[in-house]
N, C-alpha and C. Protein backbone atom coordinates (compact mmCIF):
# COMPACT_ATOMS: atom_id res chain seq x y z
N UNK A 1 0.84 -1.17 0.00
CA UNK A 1 0.00 0.00 0.00
C UNK A 1 0.90 1.24 0.00
N UNK A 2 0.51 2.23 -0.78
CA UNK A 2 1.20 3.52 -0.76
C UNK A 2 0.29 4.52 -0.07
N UNK A 3 0.89 5.41 0.70
CA UNK A 3 0.15 6.38 1.50
C UNK A 3 0.86 7.72 1.38
N UNK A 4 0.13 8.74 1.03
CA UNK A 4 0.70 10.08 0.94
C UNK A 4 0.52 10.77 2.29
N UNK A 5 1.61 11.25 2.84
CA UNK A 5 1.59 11.92 4.14
C UNK A 5 1.02 13.31 3.96
N UNK A 6 0.00 13.65 4.75
CA UNK A 6 -0.64 14.95 4.66
C UNK A 6 0.31 16.08 5.05
N UNK A 7 0.03 17.27 4.55
CA UNK A 7 0.88 18.44 4.81
C UNK A 7 1.03 18.71 6.31
N UNK A 8 -0.04 18.57 7.06
CA UNK A 8 0.00 18.84 8.50
C UNK A 8 0.05 17.56 9.33
N UNK A 9 0.39 16.45 8.70
CA UNK A 9 0.44 15.16 9.38
C UNK A 9 1.89 14.79 9.68
N UNK A 10 2.15 14.33 10.89
CA UNK A 10 3.51 13.90 11.21
C UNK A 10 3.78 12.55 10.57
N UNK A 11 5.05 12.26 10.35
CA UNK A 11 5.44 10.97 9.79
C UNK A 11 4.99 9.85 10.72
N UNK A 12 5.17 10.04 12.02
CA UNK A 12 4.79 9.02 13.00
C UNK A 12 3.30 8.73 12.95
N UNK A 13 2.48 9.76 12.88
CA UNK A 13 1.03 9.56 12.80
C UNK A 13 0.66 8.85 11.51
N UNK A 14 1.29 9.23 10.42
CA UNK A 14 1.02 8.60 9.12
C UNK A 14 1.34 7.11 9.16
N UNK A 15 2.42 6.74 9.83
CA UNK A 15 2.80 5.33 9.92
C UNK A 15 1.71 4.54 10.65
N UNK A 16 1.26 5.05 11.78
CA UNK A 16 0.23 4.34 12.54
C UNK A 16 -1.05 4.22 11.71
N UNK A 17 -1.45 5.30 11.06
CA UNK A 17 -2.67 5.26 10.25
C UNK A 17 -2.56 4.27 9.09
N UNK A 18 -1.44 4.32 8.38
CA UNK A 18 -1.26 3.46 7.21
C UNK A 18 -1.18 1.99 7.61
N UNK A 19 -0.42 1.68 8.64
CA UNK A 19 -0.29 0.29 9.07
C UNK A 19 -1.62 -0.23 9.59
N UNK A 20 -2.36 0.59 10.32
CA UNK A 20 -3.66 0.14 10.81
C UNK A 20 -4.61 -0.15 9.65
N UNK A 21 -4.54 0.64 8.59
CA UNK A 21 -5.38 0.41 7.41
C UNK A 21 -5.00 -0.90 6.73
N UNK A 22 -3.71 -1.17 6.58
CA UNK A 22 -3.25 -2.40 5.94
C UNK A 22 -3.66 -3.62 6.77
N UNK A 23 -3.59 -3.50 8.08
CA UNK A 23 -3.92 -4.63 8.95
C UNK A 23 -5.41 -4.71 9.26
N UNK A 24 -6.20 -3.71 8.84
CA UNK A 24 -7.63 -3.72 9.10
C UNK A 24 -7.97 -3.51 10.56
N UNK A 25 -7.22 -2.65 11.22
CA UNK A 25 -7.41 -2.39 12.65
C UNK A 25 -7.64 -0.90 12.86
N UNK A 26 -8.18 -0.55 14.01
CA UNK A 26 -8.32 0.85 14.40
C UNK A 26 -6.95 1.36 14.88
N UNK A 27 -6.59 2.61 14.55
CA UNK A 27 -5.29 3.13 14.99
C UNK A 27 -5.07 3.01 16.51
N UNK A 28 -6.13 3.18 17.29
CA UNK A 28 -5.99 3.08 18.74
C UNK A 28 -5.69 1.69 19.25
N UNK A 29 -5.89 0.68 18.41
CA UNK A 29 -5.61 -0.69 18.83
C UNK A 29 -4.20 -1.14 18.45
N UNK A 30 -3.45 -0.25 17.80
CA UNK A 30 -2.10 -0.59 17.37
C UNK A 30 -1.13 -0.54 18.54
N UNK A 31 -0.06 -1.33 18.49
CA UNK A 31 0.96 -1.22 19.54
C UNK A 31 1.59 0.17 19.47
N UNK A 32 2.05 0.69 20.60
CA UNK A 32 2.67 2.03 20.58
C UNK A 32 3.88 2.06 19.64
N UNK A 33 3.93 3.06 18.80
CA UNK A 33 5.08 3.23 17.89
C UNK A 33 6.36 3.44 18.70
N UNK A 34 6.22 3.98 19.91
CA UNK A 34 7.39 4.22 20.76
C UNK A 34 8.11 2.93 21.14
N UNK A 35 7.47 1.77 20.97
CA UNK A 35 8.15 0.51 21.23
C UNK A 35 9.15 0.18 20.12
N UNK A 36 9.05 0.90 18.99
CA UNK A 36 9.91 0.64 17.84
C UNK A 36 10.89 1.79 17.61
N UNK A 37 10.41 3.02 17.75
CA UNK A 37 11.24 4.19 17.43
C UNK A 37 10.70 5.40 18.20
N UNK A 38 11.55 6.37 18.42
CA UNK A 38 11.15 7.62 19.03
C UNK A 38 10.43 8.45 17.96
N UNK A 39 9.11 8.67 18.10
CA UNK A 39 8.37 9.40 17.07
C UNK A 39 8.89 10.81 16.82
N UNK A 40 9.34 11.49 17.85
CA UNK A 40 9.88 12.85 17.66
C UNK A 40 11.16 12.81 16.83
N UNK A 41 12.01 11.83 17.08
CA UNK A 41 13.25 11.71 16.30
C UNK A 41 12.93 11.37 14.85
N UNK A 42 11.95 10.50 14.65
CA UNK A 42 11.53 10.14 13.29
C UNK A 42 11.02 11.36 12.55
N UNK A 43 10.15 12.13 13.18
CA UNK A 43 9.62 13.34 12.54
C UNK A 43 10.74 14.33 12.24
N UNK A 44 11.72 14.43 13.14
CA UNK A 44 12.83 15.37 12.95
C UNK A 44 13.68 15.01 11.72
N UNK A 45 13.74 13.72 11.39
CA UNK A 45 14.50 13.31 10.21
C UNK A 45 14.00 13.97 8.93
N UNK A 46 12.70 14.26 8.89
CA UNK A 46 12.09 14.77 7.67
C UNK A 46 11.60 16.20 7.80
N UNK A 47 11.82 16.83 8.96
CA UNK A 47 11.43 18.24 9.14
C UNK A 47 12.29 19.13 8.25
N UNK A 48 11.82 20.35 8.04
CA UNK A 48 12.60 21.33 7.29
C UNK A 48 13.91 21.61 8.02
N UNK A 49 14.88 22.09 7.26
CA UNK A 49 16.17 22.48 7.85
C UNK A 49 15.96 23.68 8.76
N UNK A 50 16.95 23.99 9.56
CA UNK A 50 16.84 25.11 10.51
C UNK A 50 16.62 26.45 9.82
N UNK A 51 17.02 26.56 8.53
CA UNK A 51 16.81 27.81 7.79
C UNK A 51 15.46 27.83 7.07
N UNK A 52 14.63 26.78 7.30
CA UNK A 52 13.31 26.73 6.69
C UNK A 52 13.26 26.01 5.35
N UNK A 53 14.41 25.71 4.78
CA UNK A 53 14.46 24.99 3.50
C UNK A 53 14.02 23.54 3.71
N UNK A 54 13.24 23.00 2.77
CA UNK A 54 12.84 21.60 2.91
C UNK A 54 14.02 20.67 2.69
N UNK A 55 13.98 19.54 3.35
CA UNK A 55 14.99 18.50 3.10
C UNK A 55 14.60 17.79 1.82
N UNK A 56 15.58 17.43 1.03
CA UNK A 56 15.32 16.76 -0.24
C UNK A 56 15.89 15.36 -0.17
N UNK A 57 15.09 14.39 -0.55
CA UNK A 57 15.53 13.01 -0.55
C UNK A 57 15.42 12.40 0.84
N UNK A 58 15.96 11.26 0.98
CA UNK A 58 15.96 10.54 2.24
C UNK A 58 14.97 9.40 2.24
N UNK A 59 15.40 8.30 2.78
CA UNK A 59 14.56 7.11 2.87
C UNK A 59 14.88 6.42 4.19
N UNK A 60 13.83 5.94 4.82
CA UNK A 60 13.98 5.27 6.10
C UNK A 60 13.01 4.11 6.15
N UNK A 61 13.47 2.95 6.60
CA UNK A 61 12.60 1.78 6.72
C UNK A 61 12.62 1.25 8.13
N UNK A 62 11.48 0.70 8.55
CA UNK A 62 11.38 0.09 9.86
C UNK A 62 10.30 -0.97 9.82
N UNK A 63 10.31 -1.84 10.81
CA UNK A 63 9.26 -2.83 10.97
C UNK A 63 8.40 -2.37 12.13
N UNK A 64 7.11 -2.27 11.87
CA UNK A 64 6.14 -1.87 12.89
C UNK A 64 4.95 -2.80 12.81
N UNK A 65 4.58 -3.36 13.93
CA UNK A 65 3.51 -4.34 14.01
C UNK A 65 3.87 -5.50 13.09
N UNK A 66 3.08 -5.79 12.10
CA UNK A 66 3.36 -6.91 11.18
C UNK A 66 3.72 -6.39 9.80
N UNK A 67 4.28 -5.17 9.73
CA UNK A 67 4.54 -4.54 8.43
C UNK A 67 5.94 -3.96 8.33
N UNK A 68 6.43 -3.96 7.09
CA UNK A 68 7.64 -3.19 6.77
C UNK A 68 7.15 -1.86 6.21
N UNK A 69 7.65 -0.78 6.77
CA UNK A 69 7.24 0.56 6.38
C UNK A 69 8.47 1.29 5.85
N UNK A 70 8.34 1.89 4.67
CA UNK A 70 9.42 2.70 4.11
C UNK A 70 8.88 4.10 3.91
N UNK A 71 9.62 5.07 4.45
CA UNK A 71 9.27 6.49 4.32
C UNK A 71 10.18 7.08 3.27
N UNK A 72 9.61 7.70 2.25
CA UNK A 72 10.38 8.35 1.19
C UNK A 72 10.19 9.86 1.28
N UNK A 73 11.29 10.56 1.57
CA UNK A 73 11.33 12.01 1.56
C UNK A 73 10.32 12.65 2.52
N UNK A 74 9.82 11.90 3.48
CA UNK A 74 8.85 12.45 4.41
C UNK A 74 7.52 12.79 3.76
N UNK A 75 7.31 12.29 2.53
CA UNK A 75 6.09 12.60 1.80
C UNK A 75 5.22 11.38 1.53
N UNK A 76 5.84 10.22 1.40
CA UNK A 76 5.12 9.00 1.04
C UNK A 76 5.57 7.85 1.92
N UNK A 77 4.64 6.95 2.17
CA UNK A 77 4.94 5.70 2.86
C UNK A 77 4.61 4.54 1.93
N UNK A 78 5.38 3.50 2.02
CA UNK A 78 5.04 2.23 1.41
C UNK A 78 4.94 1.23 2.55
N UNK A 79 3.81 0.55 2.63
CA UNK A 79 3.57 -0.41 3.71
C UNK A 79 3.34 -1.77 3.09
N UNK A 80 4.07 -2.76 3.60
CA UNK A 80 3.96 -4.12 3.09
C UNK A 80 3.90 -5.07 4.28
N UNK A 81 2.89 -5.96 4.29
CA UNK A 81 2.83 -6.98 5.33
C UNK A 81 4.09 -7.83 5.28
N UNK A 82 4.64 -8.15 6.43
CA UNK A 82 5.85 -8.96 6.47
C UNK A 82 5.67 -10.30 5.77
N UNK A 83 4.48 -10.87 5.86
CA UNK A 83 4.25 -12.16 5.22
C UNK A 83 4.33 -12.06 3.70
N UNK A 84 4.22 -10.86 3.15
CA UNK A 84 4.32 -10.65 1.70
C UNK A 84 5.71 -10.22 1.26
N UNK A 85 6.62 -10.00 2.22
CA UNK A 85 7.98 -9.56 1.88
C UNK A 85 8.78 -10.74 1.36
N UNK A 86 9.76 -10.48 0.49
CA UNK A 86 10.61 -11.56 -0.01
C UNK A 86 11.34 -12.24 1.14
N UNK A 87 11.53 -13.54 1.02
CA UNK A 87 12.24 -14.31 2.04
C UNK A 87 13.63 -14.65 1.52
N UNK A 88 14.60 -14.61 2.41
CA UNK A 88 15.96 -15.01 2.07
C UNK A 88 16.46 -15.92 3.18
N UNK A 89 17.50 -16.70 2.90
CA UNK A 89 18.10 -17.51 3.95
C UNK A 89 19.37 -16.83 4.39
N UNK A 90 19.73 -17.09 5.63
CA UNK A 90 20.93 -16.45 6.17
C UNK A 90 22.13 -17.38 6.17
N UNK A 91 22.03 -18.51 5.45
CA UNK A 91 23.14 -19.44 5.38
C UNK A 91 23.13 -20.46 6.49
N UNK A 92 22.19 -20.35 7.42
CA UNK A 92 22.08 -21.30 8.52
C UNK A 92 20.76 -22.05 8.44
N UNK A 93 20.23 -22.16 7.22
CA UNK A 93 18.98 -22.88 6.95
C UNK A 93 17.78 -22.28 7.69
N UNK A 94 17.84 -21.00 7.97
CA UNK A 94 16.69 -20.31 8.56
C UNK A 94 16.23 -19.25 7.58
N UNK A 95 14.95 -19.09 7.47
CA UNK A 95 14.41 -18.00 6.65
C UNK A 95 14.31 -16.76 7.51
N UNK A 96 14.43 -15.62 6.87
CA UNK A 96 14.19 -14.35 7.53
C UNK A 96 13.61 -13.40 6.51
N UNK A 97 12.96 -12.37 6.97
CA UNK A 97 12.39 -11.39 6.06
C UNK A 97 13.50 -10.46 5.59
N UNK A 98 13.54 -10.24 4.31
CA UNK A 98 14.54 -9.35 3.73
C UNK A 98 14.08 -7.91 3.93
N UNK A 99 14.86 -7.14 4.66
CA UNK A 99 14.58 -5.73 4.88
C UNK A 99 15.59 -4.92 4.12
N UNK A 100 15.13 -4.18 3.16
CA UNK A 100 16.04 -3.41 2.31
C UNK A 100 16.14 -2.01 2.79
């Protein structure tokens, strides 16, 4: 699923909303995002520079709940259920989810 982050929406809020939509849950029933990342630090990654200029580029990925979430430029999210992510082996005959 692709999700466009609203102009007045924080990246952290967008992640919770998008993941809850993909999982078919209410945002209030989601595990706290703070168990995965500091939401203020995440938002700061994509905030404007101190001189007011927007940041250009940047990509960040994390696993939240049962999804891999990728934030592009603080404007778009891509959310993919972990069960749908490509599987790779780590050389020890165990599968793991490939996080790019």
